[in-house]
Amino acid sequence: TETQVHTLKAGDGPVVAPTATVLVCYQGVNGRDGSVFDSTYEQGQPIDFGLDRVVPGFQKAIAGQTVGSTVAVAMTSADGYPEGQPSAGINPGDTLVFAIKIIDASS
């Protein structure tokens, strides 16, 4: 019923600001059927983006963590794609689960 974040491995780098640009590796799984819908590991390289440009659940998972951390987040549909994301096989109401490794961050 609410987005939950768990630190799997704490990093020893600086704390990530809510509006930071981050470099991460991640895998996203659809909570409805367990299918992987996105993975930087399959793409073979990390990705960078601003936390102000992602779904709320991703920002909740990363902001306040430390660089070098690995986190898991189970996000509600409201914090992911409430209307779904058909191209990724995400239906309205689907929960999403991500494993995220925070490689770097800059403000």
Protein backbone atom coordinates (compact mmCIF):
# COMPACT_ATOMS: atom_id res chain seq x y z
CA THR A 1 0.00 0.00 0.00
CA GLU A 2 3.05 2.28 0.22
CA THR A 3 6.45 2.49 -1.44
CA GLN A 4 9.12 0.73 0.62
CA VAL A 5 12.88 1.21 0.35
CA HIS A 6 15.49 -1.12 1.84
CA THR A 7 19.22 -0.52 1.85
CA LEU A 8 20.83 -3.81 0.81
CA LYS A 9 24.40 -2.52 1.10
CA ALA A 10 25.31 0.89 2.49
CA GLY A 11 27.86 2.89 0.55
CA ASP A 12 30.50 5.16 2.06
CA GLY A 13 30.18 8.06 -0.38
CA PRO A 14 28.36 11.37 -0.06
CA VAL A 15 24.62 11.59 0.56
CA VAL A 16 22.56 11.89 -2.63
CA ALA A 17 20.51 15.11 -2.84
CA PRO A 18 16.85 14.94 -3.97
CA THR A 19 17.68 16.83 -7.19
CA ALA A 20 21.07 15.22 -7.91
CA THR A 21 22.12 13.75 -11.21
CA VAL A 22 22.99 10.12 -10.53
CA LEU A 23 24.86 7.35 -12.32
CA VAL A 24 23.24 3.99 -11.54
CA CYS A 25 22.85 0.39 -12.58
CA TYR A 26 19.41 -1.09 -12.01
CA GLN A 27 16.98 -3.83 -12.82
CA GLY A 28 13.23 -3.25 -12.83
CA VAL A 29 10.74 -6.08 -12.28
CA ASN A 30 6.98 -5.95 -12.63
CA GLY A 31 5.45 -6.96 -9.29
CA ARG A 32 2.39 -8.41 -11.02
CA ASP A 33 4.15 -11.13 -13.01
CA GLY A 34 7.85 -11.00 -12.11
CA SER A 35 8.95 -10.01 -15.61
CA VAL A 36 12.04 -7.83 -16.06
CA PHE A 37 10.93 -4.72 -17.97
CA ASP A 38 14.16 -2.69 -17.85
CA SER A 39 17.76 -3.43 -16.94
CA THR A 40 20.97 -1.49 -17.38
CA TYR A 41 22.76 -4.80 -16.80
CA GLU A 42 21.24 -6.17 -20.01
CA GLN A 43 22.20 -2.94 -21.80
CA GLY A 44 25.77 -3.40 -20.55
CA GLN A 45 26.36 0.04 -19.06
CA PRO A 46 25.14 2.32 -16.27
CA ILE A 47 22.81 5.23 -16.99
CA ASP A 48 22.73 8.78 -15.65
CA PHE A 49 19.72 11.00 -15.09
CA GLY A 50 18.41 13.77 -12.87
CA LEU A 51 16.29 12.61 -9.94
CA ASP A 52 13.84 15.39 -10.79
CA ARG A 53 13.12 13.62 -14.11
CA VAL A 54 12.13 10.13 -12.92
CA VAL A 55 9.06 8.50 -11.39
CA PRO A 56 8.54 9.45 -7.71
CA GLY A 57 9.39 5.97 -6.43
CA PHE A 58 12.83 6.07 -8.03
CA GLN A 59 13.56 9.42 -6.40
CA LYS A 60 12.32 8.11 -3.03
CA ALA A 61 14.65 5.12 -3.37
CA ILE A 62 17.81 7.10 -4.16
CA ALA A 63 17.56 10.51 -2.47
CA GLY A 64 19.12 10.41 0.99
CA GLN A 65 21.15 7.26 0.26
CA THR A 66 24.93 7.37 0.01
CA VAL A 67 26.97 6.87 -3.15
CA GLY A 68 28.08 3.25 -3.36
CA SER A 69 24.85 1.94 -1.84
CA THR A 70 22.68 -0.79 -3.31
CA VAL A 71 18.98 -0.37 -2.57
CA ALA A 72 15.78 -2.23 -3.28
CA VAL A 73 12.50 -0.41 -3.73
CA ALA A 74 9.00 -1.79 -4.08
CA MET A 75 6.89 1.05 -5.38
CA THR A 76 3.18 1.43 -5.61
CA SER A 77 1.57 2.18 -8.93
CA ALA A 78 1.07 5.79 -7.80
CA ASP A 79 4.87 6.18 -7.37
CA GLY A 80 5.59 4.37 -10.65
CA TYR A 81 3.30 4.45 -13.68
CA PRO A 82 -0.29 4.89 -12.43
CA GLU A 83 -1.60 4.89 -16.01
CA GLY A 84 0.66 2.01 -17.01
CA GLN A 85 3.49 1.93 -19.53
CA PRO A 86 2.27 -0.38 -22.32
CA SER A 87 5.58 -0.41 -24.21
CA ALA A 88 7.22 -1.95 -21.10
CA GLY A 89 4.33 -4.33 -20.35
CA ILE A 90 3.27 -2.31 -17.30
CA ASN A 91 -0.48 -2.20 -16.71
CA PRO A 92 -2.33 0.44 -14.68
CA GLY A 93 -2.08 -0.54 -11.01
CA ASP A 94 1.12 -2.62 -11.37
CA THR A 95 3.65 -2.38 -8.56
CA LEU A 96 7.31 -2.19 -9.57
CA VAL A 97 10.40 -3.57 -7.85
CA PHE A 98 13.87 -2.21 -8.55
CA ALA A 99 17.36 -3.16 -7.41
CA ILE A 100 19.54 -0.06 -7.79
CA LYS A 101 23.30 0.38 -7.39
CA ILE A 102 24.26 4.04 -6.91
CA ILE A 103 27.62 4.53 -8.62
CA ASP A 104 27.94 8.32 -8.50
CA ALA A 105 25.97 11.51 -7.89
CA SER A 106 26.46 15.22 -8.49
CA SER A 107 24.31 18.20 -7.59
